[in-house]
Amino acid sequence: MQAQLVQAMQSAGCNAQHEVDQRLAGSMAVDRADRAHSSTFKMSHEFLGHMLGASRPTVSMAAAALKKKGLITYTRGVITIPDVKLLEQKACECYHVIKDHLDNYTEFDSGIVA
């Protein structure tokens, strides 16, 4: 519950302050690469738009910019992250705040040192 609350609060501020491409990079890195431990996932631009508080065309433009930089690849509904570390560099500082909290929460909860 605490982890979800921290992520929701950070995301609200992030949506108000950062560019869509930064938010998209961070969201894909934390939600997909970090949590799912996968670099390929199925997700529509429309769903990403709802998640980021942006329109589908805005997300499509942001995704195209990330693709042009080689940070993601995608075909209809399937997104691949070739190098998560490069994607993390594009993300705003909110990604690191959320990731650090989740890493520390996991360590506290399980006793496993990340």
C-alpha atoms as a PDB file:
ATOM      1  CA  MET A   1       0.000   0.000   0.000  1.00  0.00           C
ATOM      2  CA  GLN A   2       2.804   2.391   0.908  1.00  0.00           C
ATOM      3  CA  ALA A   3       4.667   1.694  -2.349  1.00  0.00           C
ATOM      4  CA  GLN A   4       1.521   2.386  -4.386  1.00  0.00           C
ATOM      5  CA  LEU A   5       0.878   5.615  -2.492  1.00  0.00           C
ATOM      6  CA  VAL A   6       4.442   6.856  -3.050  1.00  0.00           C
ATOM      7  CA  GLN A   7       4.238   6.019  -6.746  1.00  0.00           C
ATOM      8  CA  ALA A   8       0.842   7.710  -7.124  1.00  0.00           C
ATOM      9  CA  MET A   9       2.007  10.872  -5.360  1.00  0.00           C
ATOM     10  CA  GLN A  10       5.247  11.056  -7.351  1.00  0.00           C
ATOM     11  CA  SER A  11       3.380  10.393 -10.602  1.00  0.00           C
ATOM     12  CA  ALA A  12       0.926  13.222  -9.921  1.00  0.00           C
ATOM     13  CA  GLY A  13       3.756  15.714  -9.532  1.00  0.00           C
ATOM     14  CA  CYS A  14       5.609  14.235 -12.476  1.00  0.00           C
ATOM     15  CA  ASN A  15       2.582  14.591 -14.768  1.00  0.00           C
ATOM     16  CA  ALA A  16       2.414  18.285 -13.897  1.00  0.00           C
ATOM     17  CA  GLN A  17       6.125  19.046 -14.272  1.00  0.00           C
ATOM     18  CA  HIS A  18       7.833  16.812 -16.842  1.00  0.00           C
ATOM     19  CA  GLU A  19       7.665  16.224 -20.582  1.00  0.00           C
ATOM     20  CA  VAL A  20       5.698  13.258 -21.900  1.00  0.00           C
ATOM     21  CA  ASP A  21       8.767  11.527 -23.364  1.00  0.00           C
ATOM     22  CA  GLN A  22      10.515  11.646 -19.964  1.00  0.00           C
ATOM     23  CA  ARG A  23       7.399  10.343 -18.212  1.00  0.00           C
ATOM     24  CA  LEU A  24       6.968   7.613 -20.815  1.00  0.00           C
ATOM     25  CA  ALA A  25      10.604   6.519 -20.443  1.00  0.00           C
ATOM     26  CA  GLY A  26      10.317   6.386 -16.657  1.00  0.00           C
ATOM     27  CA  SER A  27       6.997   4.600 -16.719  1.00  0.00           C
ATOM     28  CA  MET A  28       8.248   1.922 -19.080  1.00  0.00           C
ATOM     29  CA  ALA A  29      11.427   1.474 -17.062  1.00  0.00           C
ATOM     30  CA  VAL A  30       9.768   1.149 -13.636  1.00  0.00           C
ATOM     31  CA  ASP A  31       6.526  -0.583 -14.592  1.00  0.00           C
ATOM     32  CA  ARG A  32       7.800  -2.924 -17.233  1.00  0.00           C
ATOM     33  CA  ALA A  33      11.527  -3.465 -16.934  1.00  0.00           C
ATOM     34  CA  ASP A  34      11.853  -3.239 -13.147  1.00  0.00           C
ATOM     35  CA  ARG A  35       8.619  -4.872 -12.013  1.00  0.00           C
ATOM     36  CA  ALA A  36       7.968  -7.369 -14.794  1.00  0.00           C
ATOM     37  CA  HIS A  37      11.664  -8.146 -15.325  1.00  0.00           C
ATOM     38  CA  SER A  38      11.001  -8.120 -19.043  1.00  0.00           C
ATOM     39  CA  SER A  39      12.197  -5.908 -21.858  1.00  0.00           C
ATOM     40  CA  THR A  40       9.245  -6.752 -24.124  1.00  0.00           C
ATOM     41  CA  PHE A  41       5.618  -6.143 -23.268  1.00  0.00           C
ATOM     42  CA  LYS A  42       2.226  -5.631 -24.851  1.00  0.00           C
ATOM     43  CA  MET A  43       0.685  -2.219 -24.347  1.00  0.00           C
ATOM     44  CA  SER A  44      -1.232   0.149 -26.600  1.00  0.00           C
ATOM     45  CA  HIS A  45      -0.480   3.837 -26.993  1.00  0.00           C
ATOM     46  CA  GLU A  46      -4.033   4.502 -25.859  1.00  0.00           C
ATOM     47  CA  PHE A  47      -3.433   2.677 -22.568  1.00  0.00           C
ATOM     48  CA  LEU A  48      -0.111   4.500 -22.102  1.00  0.00           C
ATOM     49  CA  GLY A  49      -1.984   7.757 -22.689  1.00  0.00           C
ATOM     50  CA  HIS A  50      -4.434   6.954 -19.899  1.00  0.00           C
ATOM     51  CA  MET A  51      -1.580   5.974 -17.618  1.00  0.00           C
ATOM     52  CA  LEU A  52       0.368   9.183 -18.328  1.00  0.00           C
ATOM     53  CA  GLY A  53      -2.580  11.564 -18.481  1.00  0.00           C
ATOM     54  CA  ALA A  54      -1.886  12.350 -22.136  1.00  0.00           C
ATOM     55  CA  SER A  55      -3.703  11.782 -25.406  1.00  0.00           C
ATOM     56  CA  ARG A  56      -2.910   8.800 -27.606  1.00  0.00           C
ATOM     57  CA  PRO A  57      -1.446  11.026 -30.364  1.00  0.00           C
ATOM     58  CA  THR A  58       0.824  12.706 -27.794  1.00  0.00           C
ATOM     59  CA  VAL A  59       2.044   9.323 -26.572  1.00  0.00           C
ATOM     60  CA  SER A  60       2.586   8.206 -30.166  1.00  0.00           C
ATOM     61  CA  MET A  61       4.774  11.256 -30.806  1.00  0.00           C
ATOM     62  CA  ALA A  62       6.734  10.666 -27.586  1.00  0.00           C
ATOM     63  CA  ALA A  63       7.176   6.975 -28.419  1.00  0.00           C
ATOM     64  CA  ALA A  64       8.356   7.887 -31.920  1.00  0.00           C
ATOM     65  CA  ALA A  65      10.970  10.218 -30.380  1.00  0.00           C
ATOM     66  CA  LEU A  66      12.179   7.440 -28.061  1.00  0.00           C
ATOM     67  CA  LYS A  67      12.261   5.025 -30.994  1.00  0.00           C
ATOM     68  CA  LYS A  68      14.261   7.463 -33.129  1.00  0.00           C
ATOM     69  CA  LYS A  69      16.866   7.669 -30.329  1.00  0.00           C
ATOM     70  CA  GLY A  70      17.034   3.859 -30.178  1.00  0.00           C
ATOM     71  CA  LEU A  71      15.611   3.717 -26.654  1.00  0.00           C
ATOM     72  CA  ILE A  72      12.614   1.559 -27.611  1.00  0.00           C
ATOM     73  CA  THR A  73      11.296  -0.346 -30.576  1.00  0.00           C
ATOM     74  CA  TYR A  74       7.662  -1.071 -31.198  1.00  0.00           C
ATOM     75  CA  THR A  75       5.207  -2.585 -33.562  1.00  0.00           C
ATOM     76  CA  ARG A  76       1.484  -2.528 -33.120  1.00  0.00           C
ATOM     77  CA  GLY A  77       0.914  -3.145 -29.412  1.00  0.00           C
ATOM     78  CA  VAL A  78       4.359  -4.612 -28.626  1.00  0.00           C
ATOM     79  CA  ILE A  79       7.111  -2.461 -27.120  1.00  0.00           C
ATOM     80  CA  THR A  80      10.701  -3.614 -26.617  1.00  0.00           C
ATOM     81  CA  ILE A  81      13.358  -1.896 -24.538  1.00  0.00           C
ATOM     82  CA  PRO A  82      16.762  -2.780 -26.076  1.00  0.00           C
ATOM     83  CA  ASP A  83      18.788  -1.230 -23.223  1.00  0.00           C
ATOM     84  CA  VAL A  84      16.999  -0.370 -19.984  1.00  0.00           C
ATOM     85  CA  LYS A  85      19.958   1.675 -18.685  1.00  0.00           C
ATOM     86  CA  LEU A  86      19.734   4.032 -21.694  1.00  0.00           C
ATOM     87  CA  LEU A  87      15.987   4.374 -21.190  1.00  0.00           C
ATOM     88  CA  GLU A  88      16.547   5.178 -17.501  1.00  0.00           C
ATOM     89  CA  GLN A  89      18.871   8.035 -18.515  1.00  0.00           C
ATOM     90  CA  LYS A  90      16.049   9.592 -20.558  1.00  0.00           C
ATOM     91  CA  ALA A  91      13.598   9.374 -17.661  1.00  0.00           C
ATOM     92  CA  CYS A  92      13.129  12.327 -15.325  1.00  0.00           C
ATOM     93  CA  GLU A  93      14.279  12.193 -11.709  1.00  0.00           C
ATOM     94  CA  CYS A  94      10.860  10.854 -10.676  1.00  0.00           C
ATOM     95  CA  TYR A  95      11.819   7.442 -12.050  1.00  0.00           C
ATOM     96  CA  HIS A  96      14.791   7.296  -9.680  1.00  0.00           C
ATOM     97  CA  VAL A  97      12.696   8.439  -6.695  1.00  0.00           C
ATOM     98  CA  ILE A  98      10.151   5.659  -7.320  1.00  0.00           C
ATOM     99  CA  LYS A  99      12.778   3.014  -8.117  1.00  0.00           C
ATOM    100  CA  ASP A 100      14.825   3.868  -5.011  1.00  0.00           C
ATOM    101  CA  HIS A 101      11.712   3.657  -2.846  1.00  0.00           C
ATOM    102  CA  LEU A 102      10.682   0.313  -4.345  1.00  0.00           C
ATOM    103  CA  ASP A 103      14.216  -1.085  -4.004  1.00  0.00           C
ATOM    104  CA  ASN A 104      14.446   0.024  -0.363  1.00  0.00           C
ATOM    105  CA  TYR A 105      10.933  -1.202   0.412  1.00  0.00           C
ATOM    106  CA  THR A 106      11.781  -4.626  -1.044  1.00  0.00           C
ATOM    107  CA  GLU A 107      14.968  -4.774   1.004  1.00  0.00           C
ATOM    108  CA  PHE A 108      13.108  -3.816   4.181  1.00  0.00           C
ATOM    109  CA  ASP A 109      10.229  -6.186   3.490  1.00  0.00           C
ATOM    110  CA  SER A 110      12.218  -9.272   2.520  1.00  0.00           C
ATOM    111  CA  GLY A 111      15.642  -8.728   4.012  1.00  0.00           C
ATOM    112  CA  ILE A 112      17.163  -9.125   0.543  1.00  0.00           C
ATOM    113  CA  VAL A 113      19.814  -6.550  -0.295  1.00  0.00           C
ATOM    114  CA  ALA A 114      19.356  -5.297  -3.889  1.00  0.00           C
END
